Amino acid sequence: MREVNLMPNVSLNFTLGLNGLYLSLAIIFGFLIALILLFRSGRGYSVHDTEAHSTNYAGVIKEGHGGMPAFLWVFFVFMLVWTIVYFIQHASEFAIIFAGAG
């Protein structure tokens, strides 16, 4: 009688290596997107615009004001989504903390 192996012949090293590859590619892709957004920040905001919207402090220091770059918008949205996902995943832990000992 011949044995039937129901488990596929995939080693743990192969599985972890494949997940590691995907994680590495995701990190590299995210880093490249962040660099592109960072390098393109402020491209449409000229020196003249900065001078026009600047604040003068005692005639010594001028601080320029500009719009928020896409880099910051993307990462603020990412942090907001990450926070919401974190709170949803750990809701049971926060329920224990806020349940009170009363």
C-alpha atoms as a PDB file:
ATOM      1  CA  MET A   1       0.000   0.000   0.000  1.00  0.00           C
ATOM      2  CA  ARG A   2       1.326   3.418  -0.927  1.00  0.00           C
ATOM      3  CA  GLU A   3       1.259   6.373   1.500  1.00  0.00           C
ATOM      4  CA  VAL A   4      -0.459   9.539   0.396  1.00  0.00           C
ATOM      5  CA  ASN A   5       1.187  12.774   1.532  1.00  0.00           C
ATOM      6  CA  LEU A   6      -1.489  15.445   1.894  1.00  0.00           C
ATOM      7  CA  MET A   7       1.017  18.154   2.796  1.00  0.00           C
ATOM      8  CA  PRO A   8       2.735  19.842  -0.128  1.00  0.00           C
ATOM      9  CA  ASN A   9       6.484  19.424  -0.225  1.00  0.00           C
ATOM     10  CA  VAL A  10       7.315  23.039   0.681  1.00  0.00           C
ATOM     11  CA  SER A  11       9.921  23.721   3.316  1.00  0.00           C
ATOM     12  CA  LEU A  12       9.662  26.369   5.999  1.00  0.00           C
ATOM     13  CA  ASN A  13      12.799  28.032   4.651  1.00  0.00           C
ATOM     14  CA  PHE A  14      11.148  28.463   1.252  1.00  0.00           C
ATOM     15  CA  THR A  15       7.984  29.953   2.791  1.00  0.00           C
ATOM     16  CA  LEU A  16       9.851  32.352   5.068  1.00  0.00           C
ATOM     17  CA  GLY A  17      12.213  33.267   2.252  1.00  0.00           C
ATOM     18  CA  LEU A  18       9.309  34.075  -0.057  1.00  0.00           C
ATOM     19  CA  ASN A  19       7.588  36.202   2.602  1.00  0.00           C
ATOM     20  CA  GLY A  20      10.890  37.931   3.293  1.00  0.00           C
ATOM     21  CA  LEU A  21      11.268  38.679  -0.402  1.00  0.00           C
ATOM     22  CA  TYR A  22       7.793  40.208  -0.589  1.00  0.00           C
ATOM     23  CA  LEU A  23       8.419  42.269   2.543  1.00  0.00           C
ATOM     24  CA  SER A  24      11.763  43.490   1.200  1.00  0.00           C
ATOM     25  CA  LEU A  25      10.218  44.464  -2.137  1.00  0.00           C
ATOM     26  CA  ALA A  26       7.381  46.310  -0.356  1.00  0.00           C
ATOM     27  CA  ILE A  27       9.867  48.236   1.801  1.00  0.00           C
ATOM     28  CA  ILE A  28      11.987  49.152  -1.229  1.00  0.00           C
ATOM     29  CA  PHE A  29       8.905  50.261  -3.186  1.00  0.00           C
ATOM     30  CA  GLY A  30       7.639  52.352  -0.248  1.00  0.00           C
ATOM     31  CA  PHE A  31      11.048  53.947   0.211  1.00  0.00           C
ATOM     32  CA  LEU A  32      11.235  54.862  -3.485  1.00  0.00           C
ATOM     33  CA  ILE A  33       7.761  56.419  -3.396  1.00  0.00           C
ATOM     34  CA  ALA A  34       8.747  58.409  -0.282  1.00  0.00           C
ATOM     35  CA  LEU A  35      11.922  59.651  -1.972  1.00  0.00           C
ATOM     36  CA  ILE A  36      10.068  60.676  -5.119  1.00  0.00           C
ATOM     37  CA  LEU A  37       7.477  62.588  -3.082  1.00  0.00           C
ATOM     38  CA  LEU A  38      10.194  64.185  -0.951  1.00  0.00           C
ATOM     39  CA  PHE A  39      12.248  65.331  -3.931  1.00  0.00           C
ATOM     40  CA  ARG A  40       9.187  66.756  -5.687  1.00  0.00           C
ATOM     41  CA  SER A  41       8.031  68.693  -2.596  1.00  0.00           C
ATOM     42  CA  GLY A  42       7.865  72.425  -3.089  1.00  0.00           C
ATOM     43  CA  ARG A  43       8.579  72.232  -6.805  1.00  0.00           C
ATOM     44  CA  GLY A  44       5.666  74.557  -7.644  1.00  0.00           C
ATOM     45  CA  TYR A  45       6.469  77.041  -4.871  1.00  0.00           C
ATOM     46  CA  SER A  46       8.934  79.717  -5.973  1.00  0.00           C
ATOM     47  CA  VAL A  47      11.285  81.899  -3.932  1.00  0.00           C
ATOM     48  CA  HIS A  48       9.053  84.882  -4.747  1.00  0.00           C
ATOM     49  CA  ASP A  49       6.048  83.062  -3.238  1.00  0.00           C
ATOM     50  CA  THR A  50       8.068  82.278  -0.127  1.00  0.00           C
ATOM     51  CA  GLU A  51       9.081  85.920   0.290  1.00  0.00           C
ATOM     52  CA  ALA A  52       5.516  87.121  -0.314  1.00  0.00           C
ATOM     53  CA  HIS A  53       4.096  84.870   2.396  1.00  0.00           C
ATOM     54  CA  SER A  54       6.900  85.230   4.927  1.00  0.00           C
ATOM     55  CA  THR A  55       6.702  86.433   8.506  1.00  0.00           C
ATOM     56  CA  ASN A  56       9.252  88.962   9.704  1.00  0.00           C
ATOM     57  CA  TYR A  57      10.572  88.623  13.268  1.00  0.00           C
ATOM     58  CA  ALA A  58      12.097  91.865  14.605  1.00  0.00           C
ATOM     59  CA  GLY A  59      13.607  92.627  11.218  1.00  0.00           C
ATOM     60  CA  VAL A  60      16.215  89.914  11.804  1.00  0.00           C
ATOM     61  CA  ILE A  61      14.632  86.608  10.794  1.00  0.00           C
ATOM     62  CA  LYS A  62      12.230  85.895   7.943  1.00  0.00           C
ATOM     63  CA  GLU A  63      10.276  82.693   8.047  1.00  0.00           C
ATOM     64  CA  GLY A  64       8.736  81.555   4.795  1.00  0.00           C
ATOM     65  CA  HIS A  65       5.369  79.831   4.660  1.00  0.00           C
ATOM     66  CA  GLY A  66       4.215  77.519   1.938  1.00  0.00           C
ATOM     67  CA  GLY A  67       1.669  74.876   1.261  1.00  0.00           C
ATOM     68  CA  MET A  68       1.993  71.421   2.699  1.00  0.00           C
ATOM     69  CA  PRO A  69       3.839  69.164   0.243  1.00  0.00           C
ATOM     70  CA  ALA A  70       2.388  65.912  -1.086  1.00  0.00           C
ATOM     71  CA  PHE A  71       5.016  64.014   0.941  1.00  0.00           C
ATOM     72  CA  LEU A  72       3.451  65.178   4.215  1.00  0.00           C
ATOM     73  CA  TRP A  73      -0.136  64.656   3.015  1.00  0.00           C
ATOM     74  CA  VAL A  74       0.622  61.065   2.011  1.00  0.00           C
ATOM     75  CA  PHE A  75       2.373  60.229   5.253  1.00  0.00           C
ATOM     76  CA  PHE A  76      -0.253  61.890   7.461  1.00  0.00           C
ATOM     77  CA  VAL A  77      -2.936  59.831   5.715  1.00  0.00           C
ATOM     78  CA  PHE A  78      -0.772  56.703   6.077  1.00  0.00           C
ATOM     79  CA  MET A  79      -0.303  57.346   9.818  1.00  0.00           C
ATOM     80  CA  LEU A  80      -4.047  57.954  10.282  1.00  0.00           C
ATOM     81  CA  VAL A  81      -4.951  54.697   8.509  1.00  0.00           C
ATOM     82  CA  TRP A  82      -2.248  52.819  10.439  1.00  0.00           C
ATOM     83  CA  THR A  83      -3.617  54.170  13.753  1.00  0.00           C
ATOM     84  CA  ILE A  84      -7.182  53.151  12.924  1.00  0.00           C
ATOM     85  CA  VAL A  85      -6.084  49.643  11.883  1.00  0.00           C
ATOM     86  CA  TYR A  86      -3.990  49.319  15.048  1.00  0.00           C
ATOM     87  CA  PHE A  87      -6.887  50.310  17.312  1.00  0.00           C
ATOM     88  CA  ILE A  88      -9.237  47.899  15.532  1.00  0.00           C
ATOM     89  CA  GLN A  89      -6.771  45.007  15.805  1.00  0.00           C
ATOM     90  CA  HIS A  90      -6.104  45.690  19.499  1.00  0.00           C
ATOM     91  CA  ALA A  91      -9.659  46.624  20.503  1.00  0.00           C
ATOM     92  CA  SER A  92      -9.889  43.758  23.005  1.00  0.00           C
ATOM     93  CA  GLU A  93      -6.756  44.956  24.802  1.00  0.00           C
ATOM     94  CA  PHE A  94      -8.105  48.493  25.049  1.00  0.00           C
ATOM     95  CA  ALA A  95     -11.453  47.144  26.277  1.00  0.00           C
ATOM     96  CA  ILE A  96      -9.641  45.498  29.193  1.00  0.00           C
ATOM     97  CA  ILE A  97      -7.754  48.708  30.001  1.00  0.00           C
ATOM     98  CA  PHE A  98     -10.851  50.917  29.893  1.00  0.00           C
ATOM     99  CA  ALA A  99     -13.198  48.408  31.582  1.00  0.00           C
ATOM    100  CA  GLY A 100     -12.335  49.733  35.005  1.00  0.00           C
ATOM    101  CA  ALA A 101     -11.883  47.837  38.222  1.00  0.00           C
ATOM    102  CA  GLY A 102     -14.997  49.222  39.787  1.00  0.00           C
END
